[in-house]
Amino acid sequence: MDIEKINRKHFVETDMYYRVGLGLSSKLLSFENGTINVEITISKKWKKNYNATAAELAHCWRNTHPELSNAIACKAYIIDAREFSYKQYLIHKGIKPGYDAKKGVIFNKSHLN
């Protein structure tokens, strides 16, 4: 699976809407063992909490990309630039700041014990 190709497709088709209109961006880190790993950056326009953000983008990634349609779960790694504005500057300089939250989303409740 070509992660970079999927990220480019996502950036053009979906991420620009979220980034410009809502202040939220994301990129696929990996897809292993049925789990989507996504990095999410939140800026000042976005008003939802971490749980709602992780759920919305997890479903967006899974539903938008056929390669990810058989995913069981998603791990979301969140960088919050709302509270820490310097993180946006670091990202633009190519420096990866630490994550403010890590959230998990399971797509089908039948996968729970």
Protein backbone atom coordinates (compact mmCIF):
# COMPACT_ATOMS: atom_id res chain seq x y z
CA MET A 1 0.00 0.00 0.00
CA ASP A 2 1.39 3.38 -1.01
CA ILE A 3 0.83 5.67 1.99
CA GLU A 4 2.16 8.76 0.21
CA LYS A 5 -0.21 8.24 -2.73
CA ILE A 6 -3.18 7.92 -0.37
CA ASN A 7 -2.07 11.05 1.53
CA ARG A 8 -1.81 13.05 -1.72
CA LYS A 9 -5.26 11.89 -2.80
CA HIS A 10 -6.71 12.73 0.61
CA PHE A 11 -5.07 16.16 0.63
CA VAL A 12 -6.59 17.12 -2.73
CA GLU A 13 -10.03 15.55 -2.29
CA THR A 14 -10.84 15.97 1.40
CA ASP A 15 -8.18 17.61 3.53
CA MET A 16 -8.32 20.99 1.79
CA TYR A 17 -11.98 21.35 2.82
CA TYR A 18 -11.20 20.51 6.45
CA ARG A 19 -7.99 22.56 6.52
CA VAL A 20 -9.34 25.79 4.99
CA GLY A 21 -12.95 25.65 6.12
CA LEU A 22 -12.71 24.03 9.54
CA GLY A 23 -9.13 24.37 10.77
CA LEU A 24 -8.34 20.67 10.85
CA SER A 25 -5.82 18.60 8.93
CA SER A 26 -4.81 14.97 8.94
CA LYS A 27 -2.45 12.52 7.33
CA LEU A 28 -2.19 8.77 7.21
CA LEU A 29 0.81 7.40 9.10
CA SER A 30 0.25 3.69 8.46
CA PHE A 31 -2.28 0.92 7.97
CA GLU A 32 -1.33 -2.26 9.80
CA ASN A 33 -3.32 -5.26 11.04
CA GLY A 34 -6.61 -3.60 10.16
CA THR A 35 -5.77 -0.44 12.09
CA ILE A 36 -5.56 3.00 10.50
CA ASN A 37 -2.98 5.28 12.16
CA VAL A 38 -3.72 8.96 11.55
CA GLU A 39 -2.05 12.16 12.70
CA ILE A 40 -4.49 15.04 13.24
CA THR A 41 -3.59 18.71 13.66
CA ILE A 42 -6.24 20.99 15.17
CA SER A 43 -6.14 24.77 14.73
CA LYS A 44 -8.23 27.59 16.17
CA LYS A 45 -11.32 27.24 13.94
CA TRP A 46 -12.08 23.68 15.08
CA LYS A 47 -14.46 23.57 18.07
CA LYS A 48 -15.03 19.85 18.71
CA ASN A 49 -13.31 17.86 21.46
CA TYR A 50 -10.69 15.16 20.92
CA ASN A 51 -13.15 12.24 20.97
CA ALA A 52 -15.47 13.77 18.37
CA THR A 53 -12.50 14.80 16.24
CA ALA A 54 -10.98 11.32 16.28
CA ALA A 55 -14.30 9.67 15.44
CA GLU A 56 -15.12 12.06 12.60
CA LEU A 57 -11.74 11.75 10.90
CA ALA A 58 -11.46 8.01 11.46
CA HIS A 59 -14.75 7.48 9.63
CA CYS A 60 -13.74 10.02 6.98
CA TRP A 61 -10.51 8.13 6.21
CA ARG A 62 -12.22 4.75 6.18
CA ASN A 63 -15.18 5.83 4.04
CA THR A 64 -13.24 7.99 1.58
CA HIS A 65 -10.46 5.56 0.65
CA PRO A 66 -11.36 2.09 -0.67
CA GLU A 67 -7.94 0.79 0.41
CA LEU A 68 -8.92 1.41 4.04
CA SER A 69 -12.52 0.18 3.84
CA ASN A 70 -11.76 -3.09 5.63
CA ALA A 71 -10.25 -1.33 8.65
CA ILE A 72 -11.32 -2.56 12.08
CA ALA A 73 -10.09 0.42 14.10
CA CYS A 74 -8.27 3.73 13.98
CA LYS A 75 -5.61 5.24 16.23
CA ALA A 76 -5.63 9.03 16.13
CA TYR A 77 -2.59 11.01 17.26
CA ILE A 78 -3.66 14.60 17.94
CA ILE A 79 -1.58 17.78 17.84
CA ASP A 80 -3.58 20.67 19.32
CA ALA A 81 -2.41 24.05 18.00
CA ARG A 82 -5.46 25.80 19.54
CA GLU A 83 -4.03 25.68 23.01
CA PHE A 84 -0.37 25.74 22.00
CA SER A 85 -0.03 28.14 19.06
CA TYR A 86 3.74 27.59 18.76
CA LYS A 87 3.03 24.06 17.49
CA GLN A 88 1.66 25.43 14.21
CA TYR A 89 4.94 27.29 13.73
CA LEU A 90 6.95 24.13 14.43
CA ILE A 91 4.90 22.16 11.92
CA HIS A 92 5.50 24.79 9.23
CA LYS A 93 9.24 24.59 9.95
CA GLY A 94 9.20 20.81 9.53
CA ILE A 95 9.60 20.04 13.23
CA LYS A 96 7.19 17.48 14.65
CA PRO A 97 5.81 18.58 18.04
CA GLY A 98 4.65 16.10 20.64
CA TYR A 99 1.13 14.72 20.62
CA ASP A 100 -1.44 16.25 22.97
CA ALA A 101 -3.75 13.24 22.86
CA LYS A 102 -4.03 9.72 21.50
CA LYS A 103 -7.49 8.35 20.79
CA GLY A 104 -8.82 5.07 19.48
CA VAL A 105 -11.94 4.36 17.44
CA ILE A 106 -13.39 0.88 16.84
CA PHE A 107 -15.63 0.81 13.77
CA ASN A 108 -17.75 -2.23 14.65
CA LYS A 109 -18.87 -2.99 18.21
CA SER A 110 -18.86 -6.72 17.45
CA HIS A 111 -15.04 -6.59 17.57
CA LEU A 112 -15.19 -5.86 21.31
CA ASN A 113 -15.05 -8.79 23.72
